[in-house]
Protein backbone atom coordinates (compact mmCIF):
# COMPACT_ATOMS: atom_id res chain seq x y z
CA MET A 1 -118.99 71.59 -135.60
CA SER A 2 -121.83 73.86 -134.43
CA TYR A 3 -122.60 74.58 -130.82
CA ILE A 4 -125.66 75.86 -128.87
CA GLY A 5 -124.57 78.88 -126.98
CA SER A 6 -120.95 79.79 -126.40
CA THR A 7 -118.09 77.83 -128.00
CA PRO A 8 -116.36 75.79 -125.27
CA ALA A 9 -112.76 76.65 -124.53
CA ASN A 10 -110.04 74.42 -126.07
CA LYS A 11 -108.74 71.82 -123.66
CA LEU A 12 -106.22 69.05 -124.14
CA VAL A 13 -107.64 65.58 -123.82
CA THR A 14 -105.66 63.49 -121.35
CA SER A 15 -105.64 59.77 -120.79
CA SER A 16 -107.96 60.24 -117.80
CA ASP A 17 -110.59 61.81 -120.05
CA MET A 18 -110.70 58.74 -122.29
CA GLU A 19 -112.35 55.49 -121.54
CA ASP A 20 -110.51 52.25 -122.16
CA GLY A 21 -110.85 50.94 -125.68
CA ILE A 22 -111.80 54.29 -127.21
CA VAL A 23 -108.65 54.56 -129.41
CA THR A 24 -108.57 51.48 -131.62
CA THR A 25 -106.14 50.49 -134.35
CA PRO A 26 -108.33 51.84 -137.21
CA LYS A 27 -108.42 55.21 -135.42
CA ILE A 28 -104.60 55.57 -135.63
CA ALA A 29 -103.44 57.08 -138.89
CA ASP A 30 -100.59 55.48 -140.81
CA ASP A 31 -97.16 56.70 -139.70
CA ALA A 32 -98.75 58.57 -136.77
CA ALA A 33 -96.62 56.68 -134.17
CA THR A 34 -92.90 57.30 -134.65
CA ALA A 35 -90.07 54.99 -133.61
CA ASP A 36 -89.03 57.44 -130.90
CA LYS A 37 -92.55 57.52 -129.47
CA ILE A 38 -92.68 53.73 -129.40
CA ALA A 39 -89.20 53.44 -127.84
CA ASN A 40 -90.05 56.01 -125.17
CA ALA A 41 -93.28 54.23 -124.40
CA VAL A 42 -91.55 50.85 -124.14
CA ASN A 43 -88.83 52.23 -121.91
CA SER A 44 -91.38 53.92 -119.66
CA ALA A 45 -93.45 50.78 -119.51
CA ILE A 46 -90.45 48.71 -118.52
CA SER A 47 -89.43 51.22 -115.86
CA ASP A 48 -92.96 51.60 -114.48
CA ASN A 49 -93.85 47.92 -114.54
CA THR A 50 -90.83 46.09 -113.17
CA ALA A 51 -93.02 44.49 -110.53
CA LYS A 52 -95.38 43.18 -113.20
CA THR A 53 -92.66 41.84 -115.51
CA GLY A 54 -90.66 40.20 -112.74
CA ILE A 55 -87.40 42.00 -113.58
CA SER A 56 -85.38 44.22 -111.29
CA SER A 57 -84.77 47.93 -111.75
CA ALA A 58 -81.16 47.18 -112.70
CA GLN A 59 -82.31 44.69 -115.35
CA ALA A 60 -84.84 47.23 -116.63
CA SER A 61 -82.08 49.85 -116.94
CA ALA A 62 -79.89 47.38 -118.81
CA ILE A 63 -82.69 46.62 -121.26
CA ILE A 64 -83.33 50.31 -121.86
CA ALA A 65 -79.62 51.06 -122.31
CA ASN A 66 -79.17 48.25 -124.85
CA THR A 67 -82.29 48.38 -126.98
CA ALA A 68 -80.24 49.68 -129.91
CA LYS A 69 -77.78 46.80 -129.62
CA THR A 70 -80.20 43.91 -129.67
CA THR A 71 -80.92 44.05 -133.41
CA ASN A 72 -77.36 44.46 -134.73
CA ALA A 73 -74.88 43.71 -131.96
CA THR A 74 -71.22 44.48 -132.52
CA HIS A 75 -68.82 42.31 -130.48
CA SER A 76 -65.51 43.95 -129.64
CA GLY A 77 -64.44 41.33 -127.08
CA GLU A 78 -64.92 37.63 -126.54
CA VAL A 79 -68.00 36.05 -128.10
CA THR A 80 -69.86 34.31 -125.28
CA GLY A 81 -73.19 32.63 -124.77
CA SER A 82 -74.87 29.85 -126.68
CA GLY A 83 -77.60 29.43 -129.20
CA ALA A 84 -78.04 32.97 -130.51
CA LEU A 85 -74.32 33.80 -130.52
CA THR A 86 -72.54 31.52 -132.99
CA ILE A 87 -69.45 31.64 -135.22
CA ALA A 88 -69.78 30.43 -138.80
CA ASP A 89 -67.51 27.68 -140.11
CA ASN A 90 -64.12 28.68 -141.57
CA ILE A 91 -64.28 32.19 -140.09
CA VAL A 92 -61.65 32.10 -137.33
CA ASP A 93 -58.11 32.37 -138.76
CA GLU A 94 -54.72 33.48 -137.46
CA ALA A 95 -55.71 37.16 -137.68
CA ASN A 96 -58.56 36.51 -135.22
CA LEU A 97 -56.39 34.70 -132.67
CA LYS A 98 -54.29 36.13 -129.87
CA VAL A 99 -50.78 35.31 -131.15
CA SER A 100 -47.75 37.00 -129.60
CA ASN A 101 -45.28 36.69 -132.47
CA ALA A 102 -44.97 36.27 -136.23
CA PRO A 103 -45.09 32.74 -137.69
CA THR A 104 -42.08 30.85 -139.05
CA ASN A 105 -42.36 28.01 -141.55
CA GLY A 106 -42.54 24.68 -139.73
CA TYR A 107 -43.45 26.20 -136.32
CA PHE A 108 -46.64 25.41 -134.37
CA LEU A 109 -48.89 27.35 -131.99
CA ALA A 110 -48.40 26.67 -128.28
CA ALA A 111 -49.42 28.17 -124.96
CA GLN A 112 -46.51 29.54 -122.93
CA SER A 113 -46.23 30.87 -119.39
CA GLY A 114 -46.43 34.66 -119.24
CA ASN A 115 -48.63 34.74 -122.32
CA THR A 116 -52.01 34.33 -120.59
CA GLY A 117 -54.93 33.97 -122.94
CA GLY A 118 -52.80 33.87 -126.08
CA LEU A 119 -50.60 31.61 -128.21
CA THR A 120 -47.00 31.71 -129.41
CA TRP A 121 -45.38 30.31 -132.55
CA GLN A 122 -42.49 28.02 -131.59
CA GLU A 123 -40.38 25.17 -132.90
CA ALA A 124 -41.54 21.63 -132.42
CA GLY A 125 -39.93 19.95 -129.44
CA GLY A 126 -38.51 16.47 -129.16
CA GLY A 127 -35.32 16.79 -131.20
CA GLY A 128 -33.34 13.88 -132.54
CA LYS A 129 -36.04 12.57 -134.86
CA ILE A 130 -35.19 11.57 -138.41
CA LEU A 131 -37.21 13.91 -140.61
CA GLN A 132 -36.23 12.61 -144.05
CA VAL A 133 -33.74 10.36 -145.83
CA SER A 134 -32.06 10.78 -149.23
CA SER A 135 -29.74 8.20 -150.78
CA PHE A 136 -27.94 7.13 -153.91
CA VAL A 137 -26.35 3.82 -154.85
CA GLN A 138 -23.72 3.76 -157.58
CA THR A 139 -24.60 0.97 -159.99
CA SER A 140 -22.49 1.98 -162.98
CA SER A 141 -19.23 0.42 -164.10
CA THR A 142 -15.98 0.42 -162.11
CA GLN A 143 -13.87 3.56 -161.74
CA THR A 144 -10.11 3.80 -161.38
CA LEU A 145 -8.58 6.87 -159.68
CA SER A 146 -4.90 7.53 -159.03
CA SER A 147 -4.85 11.23 -158.16
CA ASP A 148 -2.97 12.41 -155.08
CA SER A 149 -5.57 15.23 -154.84
CA PHE A 150 -9.23 14.73 -154.03
CA ALA A 151 -11.41 13.75 -156.99
CA ASP A 152 -15.11 12.94 -157.22
CA LEU A 153 -16.14 9.35 -156.70
CA SER A 154 -18.38 9.07 -159.74
CA GLY A 155 -22.07 9.27 -158.99
CA VAL A 156 -21.75 9.09 -155.20
CA THR A 157 -23.68 12.33 -154.91
CA VAL A 158 -27.10 13.12 -153.42
CA ALA A 159 -29.20 16.25 -152.72
CA ILE A 160 -31.44 17.11 -149.79
CA THR A 161 -33.57 20.11 -148.76
CA PRO A 162 -33.61 20.54 -144.96
CA SER A 163 -37.02 21.31 -143.48
CA ALA A 164 -35.52 23.53 -140.74
CA SER A 165 -32.39 25.67 -140.62
CA ASN A 166 -31.24 24.13 -137.33
CA SER A 167 -31.48 20.53 -138.54
CA LYS A 168 -28.37 18.39 -138.71
CA ILE A 169 -27.49 16.11 -141.61
CA LEU A 170 -26.04 12.68 -140.89
CA ILE A 171 -23.89 11.60 -143.87
CA ILE A 172 -23.07 7.93 -144.33
CA THR A 173 -21.10 6.43 -147.19
CA ASN A 174 -19.92 2.94 -148.00
CA ILE A 175 -17.03 2.87 -150.47
CA ALA A 176 -16.34 -0.31 -152.40
CA SER A 177 -12.75 -0.73 -153.64
CA ASN A 178 -10.27 -3.29 -154.96
CA LEU A 179 -6.88 -2.74 -153.32
CA GLN A 180 -3.61 -4.32 -154.40
CA ASN A 181 -0.33 -4.38 -152.45
CA ASP A 182 0.68 -0.89 -151.19
CA GLU A 183 -2.47 0.74 -152.54
CA GLY A 184 -4.64 2.96 -150.36
CA TYR A 185 -6.92 6.00 -150.32
CA GLY A 186 -8.39 8.74 -148.16
CA MET A 187 -11.83 10.34 -148.54
CA GLN A 188 -13.81 13.51 -147.79
CA PHE A 189 -17.43 14.70 -147.73
CA VAL A 190 -18.14 17.84 -149.72
CA ARG A 191 -21.24 20.04 -149.30
CA GLY A 192 -21.59 22.01 -152.52
CA SER A 193 -17.94 23.01 -152.98
CA THR A 194 -17.02 23.03 -149.27
CA SER A 195 -15.24 20.15 -147.57
CA VAL A 196 -17.04 19.36 -144.30
CA TYR A 197 -15.01 16.29 -143.31
CA ALA A 198 -11.80 14.63 -144.57
CA THR A 199 -9.70 11.74 -143.33
CA LEU A 200 -6.27 12.84 -142.14
CA GLU A 201 -4.24 10.43 -144.25
CA ARG A 202 -4.17 9.52 -147.89
CA TYR A 203 -4.09 5.87 -146.87
CA SER A 204 -6.93 5.73 -144.31
CA VAL A 205 -7.90 2.60 -146.22
CA TYR A 206 -4.75 0.66 -147.12
CA GLY A 207 -3.75 -2.66 -148.58
CA TYR A 208 -0.29 -3.79 -147.44
CA GLY A 209 1.45 -7.01 -148.31
CA ILE A 210 -1.56 -8.47 -150.04
CA THR A 211 -2.34 -9.60 -153.52
CA THR A 212 -5.99 -8.50 -153.76
CA LEU A 213 -8.33 -6.96 -151.18
CA TYR A 214 -11.96 -6.39 -151.98
CA ASN A 215 -12.83 -3.69 -149.47
CA PHE A 216 -16.12 -2.11 -148.34
CA THR A 217 -15.44 0.78 -145.93
CA ASN A 218 -17.97 2.88 -144.03
CA PHE A 219 -17.58 6.60 -143.14
CA GLN A 220 -20.01 8.87 -141.22
CA PHE A 221 -20.19 12.54 -140.33
CA ILE A 222 -22.83 14.91 -138.87
CA ASP A 223 -23.02 18.26 -140.65
CA SER A 224 -24.84 21.49 -139.68
CA PRO A 225 -25.64 23.24 -142.99
CA ASN A 226 -27.82 25.95 -141.38
CA THR A 227 -30.13 26.35 -144.38
CA THR A 228 -33.51 25.35 -145.75
CA SER A 229 -32.33 25.52 -149.37
CA GLU A 230 -31.44 22.43 -151.38
CA ILE A 231 -27.84 21.26 -150.81
CA THR A 232 -25.79 18.55 -152.46
CA TYR A 233 -23.29 16.25 -150.78
CA LYS A 234 -20.72 14.14 -152.58
CA VAL A 235 -17.81 11.82 -151.81
CA GLN A 236 -14.28 12.48 -153.01
CA VAL A 237 -11.21 10.23 -152.72
CA ARG A 238 -7.45 10.64 -153.14
CA SER A 239 -4.88 7.89 -153.63
CA HIS A 240 -1.85 7.00 -151.56
CA GLN A 241 1.30 7.80 -153.56
CA SER A 242 -0.80 8.05 -156.72
CA SER A 243 -1.65 4.35 -156.57
CA ALA A 244 -4.36 3.27 -158.97
CA VAL A 245 -7.39 2.26 -156.89
CA VAL A 246 -10.35 0.54 -158.53
CA TYR A 247 -13.78 1.43 -157.05
CA ASN A 248 -17.20 -0.25 -157.37
CA THR A 249 -15.90 -3.72 -158.00
CA SER A 250 -17.53 -6.59 -156.15
CA VAL A 251 -20.21 -4.31 -154.63
CA ASN A 252 -21.41 -0.76 -155.24
CA SER A 253 -20.51 2.42 -153.36
CA ASN A 254 -23.38 4.44 -151.88
CA ILE A 255 -24.24 7.57 -149.88
CA TYR A 256 -27.10 8.25 -147.42
CA LEU A 257 -28.29 11.57 -145.97
CA MET A 258 -30.55 11.71 -142.91
CA GLU A 259 -32.05 14.99 -141.68
CA ILE A 260 -32.18 14.97 -137.89
CA GLY A 261 -34.49 17.43 -136.12
CA ALA A 262 -32.92 19.75 -133.54
């Protein structure tokens, strides 16, 4: 640019030297305004114009301090608010919950005193409920046993898998027999290969001075197997003085198992 006379000295142009509307959008080159320049301008405008925007100085400071968090917020604590802050379906699992202990199969989550704001795995309350029933009814032909030692009552066997290790198993059996004069028998419940209950005498059921007695005798016992693995219970009998006792005559023998919650 040519001048008449002396070249004027260089001088920075300030905002006061420029009339409003002089710098228009077409006058600004591409990429001339950086993100930092825009952020500084916004922050200054917020700070300088709190009266115009209707926000307090404290609110203006909060906005300035959190401009970087508004586009990609990271939540390290509780997610609060509504509308903009939402949790997608099927996202919250056990790892995202405040749980004070490790889970055990069959337990449930419950709030407990002293564990404010969190949950605890614990056993279900309200014991004494029947959780499951297993049974078997012997429908085969009759069986004659005359052993003075315990022997299996054929087929009167049933398996069960407890749902909790502290459950109890109520065992009930009904033994059908045909007793003659001076015949009798005792019985026992066996879990696996372990006797858990046995009558004291070999003639707990006894026919004395009779010709024929069709008998149907009930026995019960509550066992504590302390396991969640499958277990098998069976009924064994032994004869009085090796008398020959006929079982499953007029009716059939059976066995029932009931798991009772602790």
